[in-house]
Amino acid sequence: MEEKLGPEAIQALDVLDQHKRACQDRYYRQALKRESQKARYVDTSSKVNSLKQMVARDLGFKVTVQHPRLWYLLDTEVGRPMQNLGTPPTPRWDAQGQLGLF
């Protein structure tokens, strides 16, 4: 199988294998969980998804390799559209600190 793969795909397979073995370690899983709770540009799972797409492309499957940032936006709430809550109410007439009438 690896004879028809390019050097980048072989390297990606090696990284994916290392990640799979590292996921069996409790401390690595805790680090991934802490990482997922922080706001980052990309995270490990988005990088792994992109590597899987790269390998699938080199194996001959019709896939488009997406940037890890796109995977991060798809996997988190950051990339979701904001909820439309309608038009905000108008402020009260005295909200701007107007002087009262004497």
Protein backbone atom coordinates (compact mmCIF):
# COMPACT_ATOMS: atom_id res chain seq x y z
CA MET A 1 0.00 0.00 0.00
CA GLU A 2 2.75 2.44 0.90
CA GLU A 3 4.59 1.85 -2.40
CA LYS A 4 2.12 3.98 -4.34
CA LEU A 5 1.96 6.75 -1.74
CA GLY A 6 4.08 9.85 -1.89
CA PRO A 7 6.52 10.83 0.86
CA GLU A 8 4.06 13.37 2.31
CA ALA A 9 1.34 10.73 2.62
CA ILE A 10 3.73 8.27 4.25
CA GLN A 11 4.74 10.96 6.74
CA ALA A 12 1.06 11.77 7.38
CA LEU A 13 0.33 8.09 8.02
CA ASP A 14 3.19 7.99 10.51
CA VAL A 15 1.85 11.04 12.34
CA LEU A 16 -1.67 9.57 12.40
CA ASP A 17 -0.28 6.31 13.82
CA GLN A 18 1.64 8.20 16.52
CA HIS A 19 -1.51 10.15 17.39
CA LYS A 20 -3.56 6.95 17.62
CA ARG A 21 -0.99 5.36 19.95
CA ALA A 22 -0.73 8.54 22.03
CA CYS A 23 -4.51 8.66 22.48
CA GLN A 24 -4.21 5.51 24.60
CA ASP A 25 -2.30 7.53 27.20
CA ARG A 26 -4.49 9.13 29.85
CA TYR A 27 -2.38 12.28 30.13
CA TYR A 28 -2.44 12.88 26.39
CA ARG A 29 -6.24 12.58 26.38
CA GLN A 30 -6.42 15.07 29.25
CA ALA A 31 -4.20 17.48 27.32
CA LEU A 32 -6.47 17.15 24.26
CA LYS A 33 -9.51 17.83 26.43
CA ARG A 34 -7.89 20.96 27.91
CA GLU A 35 -6.91 22.07 24.41
CA SER A 36 -10.48 21.70 23.16
CA GLN A 37 -11.73 24.02 25.91
CA LYS A 38 -9.45 26.87 24.84
CA ALA A 39 -10.11 29.25 21.97
CA ARG A 40 -7.42 28.47 19.40
CA TYR A 41 -6.84 29.08 15.73
CA VAL A 42 -6.69 25.29 15.13
CA ASP A 43 -6.61 22.24 17.39
CA THR A 44 -5.26 18.71 17.18
CA SER A 45 -8.49 17.10 15.98
CA SER A 46 -8.76 19.53 13.06
CA LYS A 47 -5.15 18.77 12.07
CA VAL A 48 -5.85 15.02 12.26
CA ASN A 49 -8.93 15.42 10.04
CA SER A 50 -6.87 17.29 7.44
CA LEU A 51 -4.15 14.62 7.51
CA LYS A 52 -6.78 11.91 6.97
CA GLN A 53 -8.08 13.83 3.94
CA MET A 54 -4.55 14.15 2.55
CA VAL A 55 -3.97 10.40 2.82
CA ALA A 56 -7.38 9.64 1.27
CA ARG A 57 -6.56 11.95 -1.65
CA ASP A 58 -3.23 10.21 -2.23
CA LEU A 59 -4.96 6.82 -2.15
CA GLY A 60 -7.14 7.93 -5.06
CA PHE A 61 -10.37 8.93 -3.34
CA LYS A 62 -12.17 12.03 -4.62
CA VAL A 63 -11.83 14.31 -1.61
CA THR A 64 -11.00 17.95 -1.19
CA VAL A 65 -8.45 18.61 1.52
CA GLN A 66 -9.72 21.32 3.82
CA HIS A 67 -7.50 23.59 5.86
CA PRO A 68 -7.41 22.73 9.60
CA ARG A 69 -8.98 26.11 10.38
CA LEU A 70 -12.09 25.12 8.41
CA TRP A 71 -12.33 21.87 10.38
CA TYR A 72 -11.97 23.84 13.63
CA LEU A 73 -14.77 26.21 12.64
CA LEU A 74 -17.01 23.30 11.63
CA ASP A 75 -16.36 21.40 14.87
CA THR A 76 -16.83 24.28 17.31
CA GLU A 77 -19.48 26.87 17.99
CA VAL A 78 -17.16 29.57 16.69
CA GLY A 79 -18.12 28.84 13.08
CA ARG A 80 -21.86 28.73 13.65
CA PRO A 81 -23.97 31.72 12.67
CA MET A 82 -25.18 33.97 15.43
CA GLN A 83 -28.77 33.63 16.50
CA ASN A 84 -30.95 36.47 15.25
CA LEU A 85 -32.75 37.87 18.28
CA GLY A 86 -34.67 40.48 16.33
CA THR A 87 -34.52 44.25 16.57
CA PRO A 88 -33.37 45.49 19.96
CA PRO A 89 -35.89 47.60 21.87
CA THR A 90 -35.66 51.38 21.76
CA PRO A 91 -34.14 53.01 24.82
CA ARG A 92 -36.34 54.76 27.33
CA TRP A 93 -36.82 58.49 26.84
CA ASP A 94 -34.72 59.28 29.92
CA ALA A 95 -31.96 56.76 29.21
CA GLN A 96 -29.54 59.37 27.83
CA GLY A 97 -29.38 61.33 31.06
CA GLN A 98 -31.74 64.06 29.98
CA LEU A 99 -32.57 66.68 32.57
CA GLY A 100 -35.94 66.34 34.20
CA LEU A 101 -38.60 69.03 33.68
CA PHE A 102 -39.17 71.44 36.61
